[in-house]
Protein backbone atom coordinates (compact mmCIF):
# COMPACT_ATOMS: atom_id res chain seq x y z
CA MET A 1 -182.13 -16.67 -81.14
CA HIS A 2 -181.22 -19.06 -77.97
CA ILE A 3 -180.98 -22.07 -79.30
CA PRO A 4 -181.69 -25.11 -76.64
CA ASP A 5 -180.66 -28.61 -75.93
CA GLY A 6 -181.60 -31.39 -78.18
CA TYR A 7 -182.59 -28.50 -80.97
CA LEU A 8 -179.22 -29.66 -83.25
CA GLY A 9 -177.58 -33.01 -83.49
CA PRO A 10 -173.89 -33.99 -82.23
CA ALA A 11 -172.79 -33.77 -85.35
CA THR A 12 -174.11 -29.83 -85.86
CA TYR A 13 -173.54 -28.49 -82.40
CA LEU A 14 -169.65 -30.28 -81.89
CA SER A 15 -168.82 -28.85 -85.72
CA SER A 16 -169.86 -25.67 -84.12
CA TYR A 17 -167.78 -26.24 -81.01
CA VAL A 18 -164.83 -26.82 -83.67
CA ALA A 19 -165.47 -23.76 -85.75
CA CYS A 20 -165.90 -21.31 -82.64
CA VAL A 21 -162.52 -22.92 -80.61
CA PRO A 22 -159.61 -21.01 -83.43
CA LEU A 23 -162.19 -17.94 -83.64
CA TRP A 24 -162.35 -17.63 -79.75
CA GLY A 25 -158.15 -17.88 -79.47
CA ALA A 26 -158.40 -15.64 -82.04
CA ALA A 27 -160.37 -13.15 -80.61
CA ALA A 28 -158.88 -13.11 -77.27
CA ARG A 29 -155.45 -12.20 -78.95
CA LYS A 30 -157.17 -9.63 -81.07
CA VAL A 31 -158.62 -8.41 -77.78
CA LYS A 32 -155.47 -8.44 -75.71
CA ILE A 33 -153.49 -6.41 -78.22
CA GLY A 34 -155.93 -3.84 -78.79
CA LEU A 35 -156.97 -3.74 -75.23
CA THR A 36 -156.36 -0.15 -74.05
CA ALA A 37 -157.45 1.53 -71.15
CA ARG A 38 -160.21 3.49 -72.54
CA ARG A 39 -161.41 0.23 -73.78
CA VAL A 40 -161.78 -1.95 -70.94
CA PRO A 41 -164.88 0.13 -69.12
CA LEU A 42 -166.12 0.00 -73.21
CA LEU A 43 -165.77 -3.72 -73.43
CA ALA A 44 -167.29 -4.71 -69.91
CA ILE A 45 -170.04 -1.96 -70.46
CA SER A 46 -170.56 -4.08 -74.07
CA ALA A 47 -170.97 -7.37 -72.68
CA ALA A 48 -173.42 -6.48 -69.64
CA PHE A 49 -175.60 -4.69 -72.45
CA THR A 50 -175.54 -7.54 -74.53
CA PHE A 51 -176.92 -9.91 -71.55
CA VAL A 52 -179.29 -7.46 -70.78
CA VAL A 53 -181.09 -7.05 -74.07
CA MET A 54 -180.61 -11.02 -74.83
CA MET A 55 -182.56 -11.96 -71.25
CA PHE A 56 -186.10 -10.34 -73.20
CA ASN A 57 -186.99 -13.12 -75.29
CA ILE A 58 -189.65 -13.96 -77.77
CA PRO A 59 -191.48 -17.38 -78.09
CA LEU A 60 -190.94 -18.34 -82.10
CA PRO A 61 -192.14 -21.43 -83.42
CA GLY A 62 -190.18 -24.44 -83.03
CA ALA A 63 -189.11 -24.46 -79.05
CA THR A 64 -186.86 -21.47 -80.15
CA THR A 65 -186.89 -17.95 -78.85
CA GLY A 66 -185.70 -14.91 -80.63
CA HIS A 67 -184.53 -11.32 -79.07
CA ALA A 68 -182.10 -7.96 -79.73
CA VAL A 69 -178.43 -9.05 -79.55
CA GLY A 70 -176.96 -5.39 -80.12
CA GLY A 71 -173.65 -7.03 -81.90
CA VAL A 72 -173.65 -4.78 -84.30
CA LEU A 73 -173.98 -1.59 -81.93
CA ILE A 74 -171.25 -3.63 -80.27
CA ALA A 75 -168.58 -4.17 -83.16
CA ILE A 76 -169.07 -0.66 -84.26
CA ALA A 77 -168.19 0.45 -80.36
CA VAL A 78 -165.43 -2.13 -79.71
CA GLY A 79 -164.29 -3.09 -82.89
CA PRO A 80 -165.96 -6.66 -84.30
CA TRP A 81 -163.36 -8.99 -82.15
CA GLY A 82 -164.51 -7.19 -79.16
CA ALA A 83 -167.87 -7.90 -79.94
CA ALA A 84 -167.12 -11.35 -80.26
CA MET A 85 -165.79 -11.47 -76.84
CA ALA A 86 -168.67 -9.59 -75.05
CA ILE A 87 -171.29 -11.70 -76.52
CA SER A 88 -169.27 -15.14 -76.55
CA ILE A 89 -168.87 -14.44 -72.36
CA ALA A 90 -172.78 -13.45 -72.07
CA LEU A 91 -173.98 -16.52 -73.93
CA ALA A 92 -172.01 -18.97 -72.05
CA ILE A 93 -172.93 -17.11 -68.40
CA GLN A 94 -177.04 -17.20 -69.69
CA ALA A 95 -176.42 -20.78 -70.80
CA LEU A 96 -174.61 -21.94 -67.55
CA LEU A 97 -175.90 -20.22 -65.35
CA PHE A 98 -179.48 -18.95 -66.31
CA GLY A 99 -180.89 -22.08 -68.57
CA ASP A 100 -180.83 -19.17 -71.86
CA GLY A 101 -179.66 -21.47 -74.37
CA GLY A 102 -178.30 -25.29 -74.54
CA ILE A 103 -175.05 -25.81 -73.25
CA THR A 104 -174.33 -28.30 -76.13
CA ALA A 105 -175.21 -25.55 -78.46
CA ILE A 106 -173.00 -22.89 -76.65
CA GLY A 107 -171.10 -23.50 -80.02
CA ALA A 108 -173.84 -22.91 -82.60
CA ASN A 109 -174.98 -19.63 -80.51
CA CYS A 110 -171.68 -18.24 -80.39
CA LEU A 111 -171.02 -19.10 -83.74
CA ASN A 112 -174.52 -16.79 -84.98
CA MET A 113 -174.69 -14.34 -82.77
CA ALA A 114 -171.13 -13.81 -81.73
CA PHE A 115 -169.44 -13.94 -84.73
CA VAL A 116 -171.51 -13.84 -87.87
CA MET A 117 -173.79 -11.18 -86.64
CA PRO A 118 -171.34 -8.20 -85.48
CA PHE A 119 -168.69 -8.98 -88.64
CA THR A 120 -171.42 -9.04 -90.66
CA GLY A 121 -172.99 -5.99 -89.53
CA TYR A 122 -169.69 -4.33 -88.91
CA ALA A 123 -168.34 -4.82 -92.65
CA VAL A 124 -172.16 -3.12 -93.91
CA TYR A 125 -171.63 -0.38 -91.14
CA ARG A 126 -167.78 -0.14 -92.82
CA TRP A 127 -169.13 0.33 -96.16
CA LEU A 128 -171.62 2.52 -95.78
CA ALA A 129 -169.03 4.62 -93.41
CA ARG A 130 -167.08 5.56 -96.92
CA TYR A 131 -170.33 7.31 -97.83
CA PHE A 132 -171.51 9.56 -94.98
CA PRO A 133 -168.93 12.65 -93.54
CA SER A 134 -167.64 11.68 -90.32
CA PRO A 135 -163.77 11.09 -89.96
CA LYS A 136 -163.01 9.92 -86.10
CA GLY A 137 -166.77 9.20 -86.20
CA GLN A 138 -168.19 12.31 -85.70
CA ALA A 139 -170.24 14.00 -88.32
CA ILE A 140 -168.74 17.42 -89.55
CA ALA A 141 -170.42 20.40 -90.04
CA ALA A 142 -172.05 22.03 -93.33
CA TYR A 143 -168.65 23.28 -94.54
CA ASP A 144 -167.94 20.76 -97.25
CA PRO A 145 -164.20 20.52 -96.94
CA ARG A 146 -164.12 19.84 -100.88
CA ALA A 147 -164.98 23.78 -100.50
CA LEU A 148 -163.12 24.44 -97.93
CA LYS A 149 -159.83 22.33 -97.72
CA GLY A 150 -158.58 23.93 -94.92
CA ASN A 151 -161.52 22.89 -92.79
CA GLY A 152 -160.89 19.21 -93.98
CA VAL A 153 -157.46 19.91 -92.68
CA THR A 154 -159.30 20.71 -89.04
CA TYR A 155 -161.69 17.53 -89.60
CA VAL A 156 -158.78 15.33 -89.49
CA THR A 157 -156.26 16.50 -87.66
CA SER A 158 -157.76 18.75 -84.71
CA PRO A 159 -157.00 16.75 -81.29
CA MET A 160 -160.64 18.25 -80.53
CA GLY A 161 -162.34 15.97 -82.78
CA ALA A 162 -163.68 16.91 -86.30
CA ASP A 163 -164.65 20.33 -85.07
CA HIS A 164 -164.70 22.95 -87.59
CA THR A 165 -165.08 25.58 -84.53
CA ALA A 166 -161.42 23.95 -83.63
CA GLY A 167 -160.10 26.06 -87.00
CA ASN A 168 -162.54 27.28 -89.56
CA ALA A 169 -160.72 27.99 -92.20
CA LEU A 170 -163.72 30.56 -93.72
CA GLU A 171 -162.39 33.40 -92.69
CA THR A 172 -158.96 33.31 -94.83
CA ALA A 173 -161.03 32.08 -98.22
CA LYS A 174 -160.08 35.53 -98.93
CA THR A 175 -156.24 35.20 -98.48
CA ILE A 176 -156.26 31.17 -99.07
CA ASN A 177 -157.74 29.69 -102.25
CA PRO A 178 -159.96 27.40 -100.62
CA LEU A 179 -160.04 25.28 -103.66
CA GLY A 180 -156.29 24.39 -103.75
CA ILE A 181 -153.63 22.28 -101.68
CA GLU A 182 -151.24 24.89 -101.25
CA ASN A 183 -151.27 27.05 -97.30
CA GLN A 184 -153.87 24.59 -95.93
CA VAL A 185 -151.77 22.74 -93.54
CA GLU A 186 -150.22 26.04 -92.73
CA VAL A 187 -154.14 27.93 -92.52
CA SER A 188 -155.36 24.56 -90.05
CA ARG A 189 -152.28 24.92 -87.75
CA LYS A 190 -152.40 28.98 -87.08
CA LEU A 191 -156.49 28.92 -86.90
CA GLN A 192 -156.35 25.61 -83.99
CA ILE A 193 -153.58 27.72 -81.97
CA ARG A 194 -156.00 30.79 -82.10
CA ALA A 195 -159.10 28.66 -81.25
CA ALA A 196 -157.46 27.10 -78.44
CA ILE A 197 -156.13 30.87 -77.35
CA LEU A 198 -159.79 31.91 -77.52
CA ASP A 199 -160.88 28.98 -75.83
CA THR A 200 -158.11 29.45 -73.06
CA MET A 201 -159.21 32.89 -72.20
CA GLY A 202 -163.39 31.66 -72.13
CA LEU A 203 -163.92 34.41 -75.28
CA CYS A 204 -165.94 33.34 -77.89
CA LEU A 205 -164.66 33.00 -81.84
CA PHE A 206 -167.40 35.77 -82.88
CA THR A 207 -164.58 38.43 -80.53
CA ARG A 208 -161.17 37.57 -82.33
CA PRO A 209 -161.73 40.14 -84.89
CA PRO A 210 -159.75 42.72 -82.74
CA PHE A 211 -157.37 40.69 -81.72
CA THR A 212 -156.46 39.42 -85.42
CA LYS A 213 -155.80 42.95 -86.49
CA ASN A 214 -153.95 43.18 -82.74
CA PRO A 215 -153.04 40.98 -80.87
CA ASP A 216 -151.23 42.45 -78.08
CA LEU A 217 -154.95 43.31 -76.89
CA PHE A 218 -154.71 40.17 -74.81
CA LEU A 219 -151.82 41.64 -72.52
CA PRO A 220 -153.80 44.07 -70.54
CA LEU A 221 -156.59 41.31 -70.51
CA LEU A 222 -154.27 39.45 -68.21
CA LYS A 223 -152.37 41.98 -66.82
CA GLY A 224 -155.77 43.21 -65.43
CA ARG A 225 -156.88 40.10 -64.39
CA TYR A 226 -153.60 37.90 -62.93
CA GLY A 227 -151.06 40.86 -62.56
CA TRP A 228 -148.87 39.34 -65.43
CA ASP A 229 -146.56 41.01 -67.69
CA LEU A 230 -146.45 38.95 -71.09
CA ALA A 231 -145.78 39.53 -73.94
CA TYR A 232 -147.92 37.79 -77.12
CA ALA A 233 -145.61 35.18 -77.79
CA ASP A 234 -146.33 33.82 -74.19
CA VAL A 235 -149.82 34.05 -75.40
CA GLN A 236 -148.99 31.90 -78.30
CA LYS A 237 -147.43 29.52 -75.78
CA MET A 238 -150.74 28.97 -74.08
CA GLY A 239 -152.34 27.61 -77.49
CA LEU A 240 -149.29 25.36 -78.29
CA ASP A 241 -149.62 24.07 -74.62
CA VAL A 242 -153.46 23.50 -74.70
CA LEU A 243 -153.05 21.44 -78.18
CA GLU A 244 -150.09 19.32 -77.10
CA THR A 245 -151.97 18.91 -73.54
CA GLU A 246 -155.44 17.67 -75.72
CA ARG A 247 -152.86 15.38 -77.47
CA GLU A 248 -151.49 13.68 -74.73
CA PHE A 249 -154.84 12.88 -73.10
CA ASN A 250 -156.18 11.38 -76.33
CA ARG A 251 -153.27 9.46 -76.21
CA ARG A 252 -153.45 8.69 -73.17
CA SER A 253 -156.96 7.81 -72.99
CA GLY A 254 -156.66 5.28 -75.79
CA ALA A 255 -157.76 7.48 -78.83
CA GLY A 256 -154.44 7.53 -79.85
CA GLU A 257 -153.20 10.08 -82.92
CA GLU A 258 -154.66 8.20 -86.12
CA PHE A 259 -155.64 10.68 -88.42
CA ASN A 260 -159.08 9.17 -89.93
CA ASP A 261 -159.16 10.50 -93.99
CA MET A 262 -162.02 11.94 -95.26
CA PRO A 263 -164.85 9.71 -96.62
CA GLU A 264 -163.65 8.07 -100.25
CA PHE A 265 -166.80 9.71 -101.79
CA MET A 266 -165.25 12.99 -101.06
CA ARG A 267 -162.04 12.39 -102.88
CA GLU A 268 -163.80 11.15 -105.76
CA GLU A 269 -167.14 12.82 -106.23
CA PRO A 270 -166.57 16.39 -107.61
CA LEU A 271 -168.40 19.13 -105.72
CA PRO A 272 -170.60 21.21 -108.01
CA PRO A 273 -170.48 23.79 -109.03
CA MET A 274 -166.71 23.94 -109.01
CA ASN A 275 -166.57 20.36 -109.29
CA SER A 276 -163.94 20.03 -106.53
CA VAL A 277 -162.63 17.17 -104.93
CA TYR A 278 -160.96 16.81 -101.36
CA ASP A 279 -157.35 16.44 -102.54
CA VAL A 280 -155.26 17.21 -99.67
CA PRO A 281 -152.80 14.13 -99.24
CA MET A 282 -152.87 12.42 -95.79
CA GLU A 283 -149.10 12.74 -95.58
CA GLU A 284 -149.08 16.93 -96.14
CA MET A 285 -152.01 16.89 -93.24
CA GLN A 286 -149.42 14.67 -90.95
CA ARG A 287 -147.20 17.34 -90.99
CA ILE A 288 -149.25 19.86 -89.30
CA TRP A 289 -147.50 19.46 -85.86
CA GLU A 290 -144.47 20.15 -87.50
CA VAL A 291 -145.38 23.81 -88.75
CA LYS A 292 -143.98 26.68 -87.28
CA ILE A 293 -145.91 30.10 -86.74
CA PRO A 294 -144.38 33.32 -86.42
CA GLU A 295 -144.33 34.17 -82.54
CA ASN A 296 -146.22 37.59 -83.79
CA VAL A 297 -149.38 35.98 -85.51
CA PHE A 298 -152.80 35.20 -83.99
């Protein structure tokens, strides 16, 4: 709700300002530190979004109003400190220019809607996120990483996001123990390079069997289309270059190189009937970009 002027006594609204001033300072510092090129437009859109949704007021008893704020959604999108800044700016503009909320009550309104709401909602969101299979904020496919641990490595490390098609370890389940830790990083690395090559060629993943048996089959395709005389090592390098380009794009866009781990419940709750958990250590997954794949392997 927007608290109007005259609704709160001086002791209350002055206390609210005293409480908000250090919080605004902390929010400004936090946002400045974490403000990347990717987050600038997102923060601006968030401020505009909350400004608009708060303009639709529903009258409530006691000479005040109720309305949506979107504080939790903004906190999930830009973090709770970013949400605090965005909502505070929107509340100040509404009070100063539109008379929506009192000037003396800006502190109280910000305390309620710009701090308590997004931080409380974000804490609940983070708690619930422990129980949802969504590394990198993306829902994963039905290939449970507790039963197919190579896919878990792909979900965590792929620059394409938590996408099983970026390196689906199902095809290696007969040669590499899908429930073990050993060689899962190597498997994911090989399959991510393979997927990048097929994507670059414009080929569906389901066309891979003949190329798996004979990677040199790529060479007449490239020779016939472009006139290139290449070795398979050159084709593999295309896949490696694609992955590095995706990583660099992510870095420049502000997505970063952080590896988001599997949800805690997947590391703690066994999956029947084999009662396995996802136990590939983060330190093991973080070495994926150091893994070297032989030049003749697709």
